[in-house]
PDB file of all heavy atoms in Angstrom:
ATOM      1  N   VAL A   1       1.740   1.365   4.904  1.00  0.00           N
ATOM      2  CA  VAL A   1       1.847   1.412   3.419  1.00  0.00           C
ATOM      3  C   VAL A   1       1.059   0.344   2.790  1.00  0.00           C
ATOM      4  O   VAL A   1       0.887  -0.775   3.290  1.00  0.00           O
ATOM      5  CB  VAL A   1       3.302   1.393   3.018  1.00  0.00           C
ATOM      6  CG1 VAL A   1       4.134   2.525   3.573  1.00  0.00           C
ATOM      7  CG2 VAL A   1       3.986   0.053   3.366  1.00  0.00           C
ATOM      8  N   CYS A   2       0.503   0.608   1.588  1.00  0.00           N
ATOM      9  CA  CYS A   2      -0.029  -0.341   0.641  1.00  0.00           C
ATOM     10  C   CYS A   2      -0.338   0.383  -0.646  1.00  0.00           C
ATOM     11  O   CYS A   2      -0.159   1.606  -0.808  1.00  0.00           O
ATOM     12  CB  CYS A   2      -1.247  -1.027   1.201  1.00  0.00           C
ATOM     13  SG  CYS A   2      -2.738  -0.020   1.174  1.00  0.00           S
ATOM     14  N   ASN A   3      -0.763  -0.367  -1.693  1.00  0.00           N
ATOM     15  CA  ASN A   3      -1.078   0.225  -2.978  1.00  0.00           C
ATOM     16  C   ASN A   3      -2.586   0.388  -3.215  1.00  0.00           C
ATOM     17  O   ASN A   3      -2.962   0.663  -4.370  1.00  0.00           O
ATOM     18  CB  ASN A   3      -0.472  -0.647  -4.071  1.00  0.00           C
ATOM     19  CG  ASN A   3      -0.991  -2.085  -4.111  1.00  0.00           C
ATOM     20  OD1 ASN A   3      -1.328  -2.606  -2.994  1.00  0.00           O
ATOM     21  ND2 ASN A   3      -1.099  -2.638  -5.269  1.00  0.00           N
ATOM     22  N   PHE A   4      -3.357   0.336  -2.167  1.00  0.00           N
ATOM     23  CA  PHE A   4      -4.836   0.534  -2.329  1.00  0.00           C
ATOM     24  C   PHE A   4      -5.267   1.816  -1.577  1.00  0.00           C
ATOM     25  O   PHE A   4      -5.182   1.904  -0.418  1.00  0.00           O
ATOM     26  CB  PHE A   4      -5.635  -0.601  -1.757  1.00  0.00           C
ATOM     27  CG  PHE A   4      -5.503  -1.919  -2.507  1.00  0.00           C
ATOM     28  CD1 PHE A   4      -5.873  -3.099  -1.955  1.00  0.00           C
ATOM     29  CD2 PHE A   4      -4.943  -1.964  -3.795  1.00  0.00           C
ATOM     30  CE1 PHE A   4      -5.748  -4.335  -2.612  1.00  0.00           C
ATOM     31  CE2 PHE A   4      -4.852  -3.137  -4.469  1.00  0.00           C
ATOM     32  CZ  PHE A   4      -5.238  -4.302  -3.892  1.00  0.00           C
ATOM     33  N   GLN A   5      -5.706   2.751  -2.348  1.00  0.00           N
ATOM     34  CA  GLN A   5      -6.058   4.086  -1.853  1.00  0.00           C
ATOM     35  C   GLN A   5      -7.219   3.949  -0.823  1.00  0.00           C
ATOM     36  O   GLN A   5      -7.232   4.649   0.256  1.00  0.00           O
ATOM     37  CB  GLN A   5      -6.458   5.046  -2.935  1.00  0.00           C
ATOM     38  CG  GLN A   5      -6.918   6.419  -2.441  1.00  0.00           C
ATOM     39  CD  GLN A   5      -5.863   7.189  -1.633  1.00  0.00           C
ATOM     40  OE1 GLN A   5      -4.653   7.017  -1.969  1.00  0.00           O
ATOM     41  NE2 GLN A   5      -6.236   7.944  -0.644  1.00  0.00           N
ATOM     42  N   SER A   6      -8.193   3.126  -1.075  1.00  0.00           N
ATOM     43  CA  SER A   6      -9.307   2.959  -0.195  1.00  0.00           C
ATOM     44  C   SER A   6      -8.854   2.367   1.181  1.00  0.00           C
ATOM     45  O   SER A   6      -9.386   2.765   2.247  1.00  0.00           O
ATOM     46  CB  SER A   6     -10.395   1.972  -0.782  1.00  0.00           C
ATOM     47  OG  SER A   6      -9.836   0.725  -1.089  1.00  0.00           O
ATOM     48  N   MET A   7      -7.876   1.463   1.198  1.00  0.00           N
ATOM     49  CA  MET A   7      -7.356   0.917   2.430  1.00  0.00           C
ATOM     50  C   MET A   7      -6.549   1.989   3.196  1.00  0.00           C
ATOM     51  O   MET A   7      -6.695   2.163   4.406  1.00  0.00           O
ATOM     52  CB  MET A   7      -6.419  -0.255   2.121  1.00  0.00           C
ATOM     53  CG  MET A   7      -7.078  -1.514   1.691  1.00  0.00           C
ATOM     54  SD  MET A   7      -8.167  -2.226   2.936  1.00  0.00           S
ATOM     55  CE  MET A   7      -9.741  -1.794   2.301  1.00  0.00           C
ATOM     56  N   ARG A   8      -5.761   2.814   2.474  1.00  0.00           N
ATOM     57  CA  ARG A   8      -5.093   3.935   3.116  1.00  0.00           C
ATOM     58  C   ARG A   8      -6.034   4.869   3.797  1.00  0.00           C
ATOM     59  O   ARG A   8      -5.809   5.339   4.898  1.00  0.00           O
ATOM     60  CB  ARG A   8      -4.179   4.636   2.141  1.00  0.00           C
ATOM     61  CG  ARG A   8      -2.960   3.820   1.644  1.00  0.00           C
ATOM     62  CD  ARG A   8      -2.157   4.587   0.664  1.00  0.00           C
ATOM     63  NE  ARG A   8      -1.794   5.884   1.176  1.00  0.00           N
ATOM     64  CZ  ARG A   8      -1.468   6.963   0.383  1.00  0.00           C
ATOM     65  NH1 ARG A   8      -1.390   6.741  -0.941  1.00  0.00           N
ATOM     66  NH2 ARG A   8      -1.139   8.098   0.902  1.00  0.00           N
ATOM     67  N   LYS A   9      -7.123   5.204   3.121  1.00  0.00           N
ATOM     68  CA  LYS A   9      -8.079   6.093   3.685  1.00  0.00           C
ATOM     69  C   LYS A   9      -8.672   5.469   5.008  1.00  0.00           C
ATOM     70  O   LYS A   9      -8.891   6.250   5.969  1.00  0.00           O
ATOM     71  CB  LYS A   9      -9.275   6.342   2.695  1.00  0.00           C
ATOM     72  CG  LYS A   9     -10.289   7.281   3.188  1.00  0.00           C
ATOM     73  CD  LYS A   9     -11.327   7.578   2.126  1.00  0.00           C
ATOM     74  CE  LYS A   9     -12.412   8.496   2.647  1.00  0.00           C
ATOM     75  NZ  LYS A   9     -13.527   8.692   1.660  1.00  0.00           N
ATOM     76  N   LEU A  10      -8.907   4.161   4.978  1.00  0.00           N
ATOM     77  CA  LEU A  10      -9.406   3.501   6.166  1.00  0.00           C
ATOM     78  C   LEU A  10      -8.406   3.646   7.320  1.00  0.00           C
ATOM     79  O   LEU A  10      -8.819   3.984   8.434  1.00  0.00           O
ATOM     80  CB  LEU A  10      -9.696   2.037   5.890  1.00  0.00           C
ATOM     81  CG  LEU A  10     -10.244   1.160   7.000  1.00  0.00           C
ATOM     82  CD1 LEU A  10     -11.625   1.682   7.450  1.00  0.00           C
ATOM     83  CD2 LEU A  10     -10.300  -0.326   6.558  1.00  0.00           C
ATOM     84  N   TRP A  11      -7.166   3.465   7.066  1.00  0.00           N
ATOM     85  CA  TRP A  11      -6.124   3.536   8.094  1.00  0.00           C
ATOM     86  C   TRP A  11      -6.010   4.984   8.607  1.00  0.00           C
ATOM     87  O   TRP A  11      -5.760   5.258   9.756  1.00  0.00           O
ATOM     88  CB  TRP A  11      -4.790   3.013   7.653  1.00  0.00           C
ATOM     89  CG  TRP A  11      -4.787   1.665   7.018  1.00  0.00           C
ATOM     90  CD1 TRP A  11      -4.022   1.317   5.924  1.00  0.00           C
ATOM     91  CD2 TRP A  11      -5.545   0.558   7.354  1.00  0.00           C
ATOM     92  NE1 TRP A  11      -4.264   0.010   5.577  1.00  0.00           N
ATOM     93  CE2 TRP A  11      -5.244  -0.504   6.446  1.00  0.00           C
ATOM     94  CE3 TRP A  11      -6.493   0.322   8.345  1.00  0.00           C
ATOM     95  CZ2 TRP A  11      -5.814  -1.744   6.522  1.00  0.00           C
ATOM     96  CZ3 TRP A  11      -7.095  -0.957   8.377  1.00  0.00           C
ATOM     97  CH2 TRP A  11      -6.741  -1.959   7.501  1.00  0.00           C
ATOM     98  N   GLN A  12      -6.111   5.941   7.619  1.00  0.00           N
ATOM     99  CA  GLN A  12      -6.070   7.370   8.037  1.00  0.00           C
ATOM    100  C   GLN A  12      -7.204   7.702   8.904  1.00  0.00           C
ATOM    101  O   GLN A  12      -7.018   8.504   9.908  1.00  0.00           O
ATOM    102  CB  GLN A  12      -6.060   8.203   6.766  1.00  0.00           C
ATOM    103  CG  GLN A  12      -4.739   8.153   6.018  1.00  0.00           C
ATOM    104  CD  GLN A  12      -4.877   8.770   4.606  1.00  0.00           C
ATOM    105  OE1 GLN A  12      -5.900   9.275   4.236  1.00  0.00           O
ATOM    106  NE2 GLN A  12      -3.814   8.654   3.786  1.00  0.00           N
ATOM    107  N   GLU A  13      -8.367   7.205   8.696  1.00  0.00           N
ATOM    108  CA  GLU A  13      -9.542   7.524   9.570  1.00  0.00           C
ATOM    109  C   GLU A  13      -9.325   6.954  10.930  1.00  0.00           C
ATOM    110  O   GLU A  13      -9.877   7.436  11.911  1.00  0.00           O
ATOM    111  CB  GLU A  13     -10.827   6.916   8.913  1.00  0.00           C
ATOM    112  CG  GLU A  13     -11.258   7.656   7.639  1.00  0.00           C
ATOM    113  CD  GLU A  13     -12.365   6.981   6.943  1.00  0.00           C
ATOM    114  OE1 GLU A  13     -12.673   5.759   7.323  1.00  0.00           O
ATOM    115  OE2 GLU A  13     -12.872   7.505   5.976  1.00  0.00           O
ATOM    116  N   GLN A  14      -8.440   5.927  11.087  1.00  0.00           N
ATOM    117  CA  GLN A  14      -8.149   5.316  12.378  1.00  0.00           C
ATOM    118  C   GLN A  14      -6.945   6.042  12.975  1.00  0.00           C
ATOM    119  O   GLN A  14      -6.498   5.541  14.020  1.00  0.00           O
ATOM    120  CB  GLN A  14      -7.890   3.792  12.196  1.00  0.00           C
ATOM    121  CG  GLN A  14      -9.087   3.045  11.781  1.00  0.00           C
ATOM    122  CD  GLN A  14      -8.818   1.543  11.579  1.00  0.00           C
ATOM    123  OE1 GLN A  14      -7.842   0.996  12.056  1.00  0.00           O
ATOM    124  NE2 GLN A  14      -9.741   0.887  10.838  1.00  0.00           N
ATOM    125  N   GLY A  15      -6.459   7.059  12.352  1.00  0.00           N
ATOM    126  CA  GLY A  15      -5.366   7.857  12.961  1.00  0.00           C
ATOM    127  C   GLY A  15      -3.933   7.548  12.461  1.00  0.00           C
ATOM    128  O   GLY A  15      -3.000   8.139  13.002  1.00  0.00           O
ATOM    129  N   ALA A  16      -3.818   6.660  11.549  1.00  0.00           N
ATOM    130  CA  ALA A  16      -2.455   6.282  10.987  1.00  0.00           C
ATOM    131  C   ALA A  16      -2.008   7.214   9.932  1.00  0.00           C
ATOM    132  O   ALA A  16      -2.771   7.781   9.162  1.00  0.00           O
ATOM    133  CB  ALA A  16      -2.484   4.865  10.531  1.00  0.00           C
ATOM    134  N   ARG A  17      -0.692   7.383   9.848  1.00  0.00           N
ATOM    135  CA  ARG A  17      -0.040   8.049   8.720  1.00  0.00           C
ATOM    136  C   ARG A  17       0.222   7.056   7.677  1.00  0.00           C
ATOM    137  O   ARG A  17       0.785   5.990   7.986  1.00  0.00           O
ATOM    138  CB  ARG A  17       1.254   8.717   9.227  1.00  0.00           C
ATOM    139  CG  ARG A  17       1.938   9.601   8.140  1.00  0.00           C
ATOM    140  CD  ARG A  17       3.292  10.052   8.666  1.00  0.00           C
ATOM    141  NE  ARG A  17       3.999  10.840   7.670  1.00  0.00           N
ATOM    142  CZ  ARG A  17       5.254  11.304   7.829  1.00  0.00           C
ATOM    143  NH1 ARG A  17       5.910  11.043   8.918  1.00  0.00           N
ATOM    144  NH2 ARG A  17       5.819  12.035   6.915  1.00  0.00           N
ATOM    145  N   THR A  18      -0.117   7.317   6.421  1.00  0.00           N
ATOM    146  CA  THR A  18      -0.019   6.325   5.355  1.00  0.00           C
ATOM    147  C   THR A  18       0.759   6.858   4.172  1.00  0.00           C
ATOM    148  O   THR A  18       0.985   8.070   4.036  1.00  0.00           O
ATOM    149  CB  THR A  18      -1.357   5.838   4.848  1.00  0.00           C
ATOM    150  OG1 THR A  18      -1.941   6.847   4.052  1.00  0.00           O
ATOM    151  CG2 THR A  18      -2.255   5.495   6.005  1.00  0.00           C
ATOM    152  N   ALA A  19       1.183   5.909   3.299  1.00  0.00           N
ATOM    153  CA  ALA A  19       1.876   6.293   2.043  1.00  0.00           C
ATOM    154  C   ALA A  19       1.695   5.177   1.035  1.00  0.00           C
ATOM    155  O   ALA A  19       1.418   4.011   1.391  1.00  0.00           O
ATOM    156  CB  ALA A  19       3.386   6.524   2.278  1.00  0.00           C
ATOM    157  N   HIS A  20       1.776   5.538  -0.250  1.00  0.00           N
ATOM    158  CA  HIS A  20       1.656   4.592  -1.318  1.00  0.00           C
ATOM    159  C   HIS A  20       2.955   3.770  -1.446  1.00  0.00           C
ATOM    160  O   HIS A  20       4.074   4.248  -1.512  1.00  0.00           O
ATOM    161  CB  HIS A  20       1.412   5.301  -2.652  1.00  0.00           C
ATOM    162  CG  HIS A  20       1.277   4.381  -3.811  1.00  0.00           C
ATOM    163  ND1 HIS A  20       0.113   3.621  -4.004  1.00  0.00           N
ATOM    164  CD2 HIS A  20       2.114   4.057  -4.829  1.00  0.00           C
ATOM    165  CE1 HIS A  20       0.260   2.901  -5.101  1.00  0.00           C
ATOM    166  NE2 HIS A  20       1.524   3.161  -5.626  1.00  0.00           N
ATOM    167  N   PHE A  21       2.760   2.426  -1.477  1.00  0.00           N
ATOM    168  CA  PHE A  21       3.870   1.511  -1.776  1.00  0.00           C
ATOM    169  C   PHE A  21       3.265   0.354  -2.564  1.00  0.00           C
ATOM    170  O   PHE A  21       2.043   0.216  -2.675  1.00  0.00           O
ATOM    171  CB  PHE A  21       4.453   1.038  -0.415  1.00  0.00           C
ATOM    172  CG  PHE A  21       5.812   0.337  -0.523  1.00  0.00           C
ATOM    173  CD1 PHE A  21       6.812   0.917  -1.284  1.00  0.00           C
ATOM    174  CD2 PHE A  21       5.992  -0.883   0.047  1.00  0.00           C
ATOM    175  CE1 PHE A  21       8.030   0.298  -1.371  1.00  0.00           C
ATOM    176  CE2 PHE A  21       7.230  -1.524  -0.023  1.00  0.00           C
ATOM    177  CZ  PHE A  21       8.189  -0.928  -0.752  1.00  0.00           C
ATOM    178  N   PHE A  22       4.136  -0.495  -3.121  1.00  0.00           N
ATOM    179  CA  PHE A  22       3.603  -1.463  -4.120  1.00  0.00           C
ATOM    180  C   PHE A  22       4.360  -2.726  -4.099  1.00  0.00           C
ATOM    181  O   PHE A  22       5.560  -2.761  -3.705  1.00  0.00           O
ATOM    182  CB  PHE A  22       3.700  -0.866  -5.531  1.00  0.00           C
ATOM    183  CG  PHE A  22       4.987  -0.148  -5.857  1.00  0.00           C
ATOM    184  CD1 PHE A  22       6.061  -0.896  -6.302  1.00  0.00           C
ATOM    185  CD2 PHE A  22       5.115   1.175  -5.670  1.00  0.00           C
ATOM    186  CE1 PHE A  22       7.236  -0.238  -6.567  1.00  0.00           C
ATOM    187  CE2 PHE A  22       6.324   1.806  -5.943  1.00  0.00           C
ATOM    188  CZ  PHE A  22       7.384   1.093  -6.367  1.00  0.00           C
ATOM    189  N   PRO A  23       3.759  -3.879  -4.476  1.00  0.00           N
ATOM    190  CA  PRO A  23       4.482  -5.093  -4.734  1.00  0.00           C
ATOM    191  C   PRO A  23       5.429  -4.904  -5.920  1.00  0.00           C
ATOM    192  O   PRO A  23       5.338  -3.916  -6.594  1.00  0.00           O
ATOM    193  CB  PRO A  23       3.427  -6.102  -5.063  1.00  0.00           C
ATOM    194  CG  PRO A  23       2.132  -5.470  -4.616  1.00  0.00           C
ATOM    195  CD  PRO A  23       2.306  -4.008  -4.732  1.00  0.00           C
ATOM    196  N   ALA A  24       6.265  -5.914  -6.163  1.00  0.00           N
ATOM    197  CA  ALA A  24       7.207  -5.768  -7.282  1.00  0.00           C
ATOM    198  C   ALA A  24       7.307  -7.107  -8.067  1.00  0.00           C
ATOM    199  O   ALA A  24       6.925  -8.178  -7.544  1.00  0.00           O
ATOM    200  CB  ALA A  24       8.622  -5.417  -6.762  1.00  0.00           C
ATOM    201  N   HIS A  25       7.771  -6.961  -9.281  1.00  0.00           N
ATOM    202  CA  HIS A  25       8.018  -8.132 -10.143  1.00  0.00           C
ATOM    203  C   HIS A  25       9.178  -8.912  -9.606  1.00  0.00           C
ATOM    204  O   HIS A  25      10.216  -8.466  -9.292  1.00  0.00           O
ATOM    205  CB  HIS A  25       8.301  -7.645 -11.538  1.00  0.00           C
ATOM    206  CG  HIS A  25       8.801  -8.745 -12.447  1.00  0.00           C
ATOM    207  ND1 HIS A  25       8.043  -9.848 -12.845  1.00  0.00           N
ATOM    208  CD2 HIS A  25      10.007  -8.931 -13.035  1.00  0.00           C
ATOM    209  CE1 HIS A  25       8.745 -10.637 -13.587  1.00  0.00           C
ATOM    210  NE2 HIS A  25      10.008 -10.099 -13.777  1.00  0.00           N
ATOM    211  N   ASP A  26       8.956 -10.220  -9.533  1.00  0.00           N
ATOM    212  CA  ASP A  26       9.992 -11.177  -9.031  1.00  0.00           C
ATOM    213  C   ASP A  26      10.766 -11.596 -10.262  1.00  0.00           C
ATOM    214  O   ASP A  26      10.201 -12.254 -11.171  1.00  0.00           O
ATOM    215  CB  ASP A  26       9.331 -12.380  -8.396  1.00  0.00           C
ATOM    216  CG  ASP A  26      10.407 -13.403  -7.914  1.00  0.00           C
ATOM    217  OD1 ASP A  26      11.601 -13.114  -7.973  1.00  0.00           O
ATOM    218  OD2 ASP A  26      10.016 -14.431  -7.390  1.00  0.00           O
ATOM    219  N   PRO A  27      12.084 -11.230 -10.358  1.00  0.00           N
ATOM    220  CA  PRO A  27      12.850 -11.599 -11.549  1.00  0.00           C
ATOM    221  C   PRO A  27      12.963 -13.144 -11.780  1.00  0.00           C
ATOM    222  O   PRO A  27      13.258 -13.538 -12.912  1.00  0.00           O
ATOM    223  CB  PRO A  27      14.197 -10.989 -11.314  1.00  0.00           C
ATOM    224  CG  PRO A  27      14.263 -10.704  -9.828  1.00  0.00           C
ATOM    225  CD  PRO A  27      12.871 -10.472  -9.342  1.00  0.00           C
ATOM    226  N   GLU A  28      12.672 -13.933 -10.797  1.00  0.00           N
ATOM    227  CA  GLU A  28      12.649 -15.344 -10.943  1.00  0.00           C
ATOM    228  C   GLU A  28      11.558 -15.803 -11.970  1.00  0.00           C
ATOM    229  O   GLU A  28      11.585 -16.891 -12.465  1.00  0.00           O
ATOM    230  CB  GLU A  28      12.403 -16.074  -9.627  1.00  0.00           C
ATOM    231  CG  GLU A  28      13.586 -15.980  -8.623  1.00  0.00           C
ATOM    232  CD  GLU A  28      14.730 -16.849  -9.026  1.00  0.00           C
ATOM    233  OE1 GLU A  28      14.461 -18.088  -9.293  1.00  0.00           O
ATOM    234  OE2 GLU A  28      15.880 -16.407  -9.071  1.00  0.00           O
ATOM    235  N   LEU A  29      10.544 -14.924 -12.197  1.00  0.00           N
ATOM    236  CA  LEU A  29       9.500 -15.228 -13.122  1.00  0.00           C
ATOM    237  C   LEU A  29       9.950 -15.035 -14.598  1.00  0.00           C
ATOM    238  O   LEU A  29       9.184 -15.417 -15.517  1.00  0.00           O
ATOM    239  CB  LEU A  29       8.278 -14.364 -12.830  1.00  0.00           C
ATOM    240  CG  LEU A  29       7.430 -14.833 -11.670  1.00  0.00           C
ATOM    241  CD1 LEU A  29       6.415 -13.718 -11.306  1.00  0.00           C
ATOM    242  CD2 LEU A  29       6.722 -16.090 -11.974  1.00  0.00           C
ATOM    243  N   ASP A  30      11.081 -14.439 -14.850  1.00  0.00           N
ATOM    244  CA  ASP A  30      11.458 -14.170 -16.226  1.00  0.00           C
ATOM    245  C   ASP A  30      11.613 -15.413 -17.024  1.00  0.00           C
ATOM    246  O   ASP A  30      11.243 -15.531 -18.252  1.00  0.00           O
ATOM    247  CB  ASP A  30      12.784 -13.352 -16.212  1.00  0.00           C
ATOM    248  CG  ASP A  30      12.609 -11.919 -15.734  1.00  0.00           C
ATOM    249  OD1 ASP A  30      11.451 -11.487 -15.639  1.00  0.00           O
ATOM    250  OD2 ASP A  30      13.563 -11.230 -15.435  1.00  0.00           O
TER     251      ASP A  30
END
């Protein structure tokens, strides 16, 4: 998983199954 489509395409070309996932806001930053 990652949030970069180009990276996911690279892993798919290497035979991996991929999905979109993302970092999150840290509430400590509020």
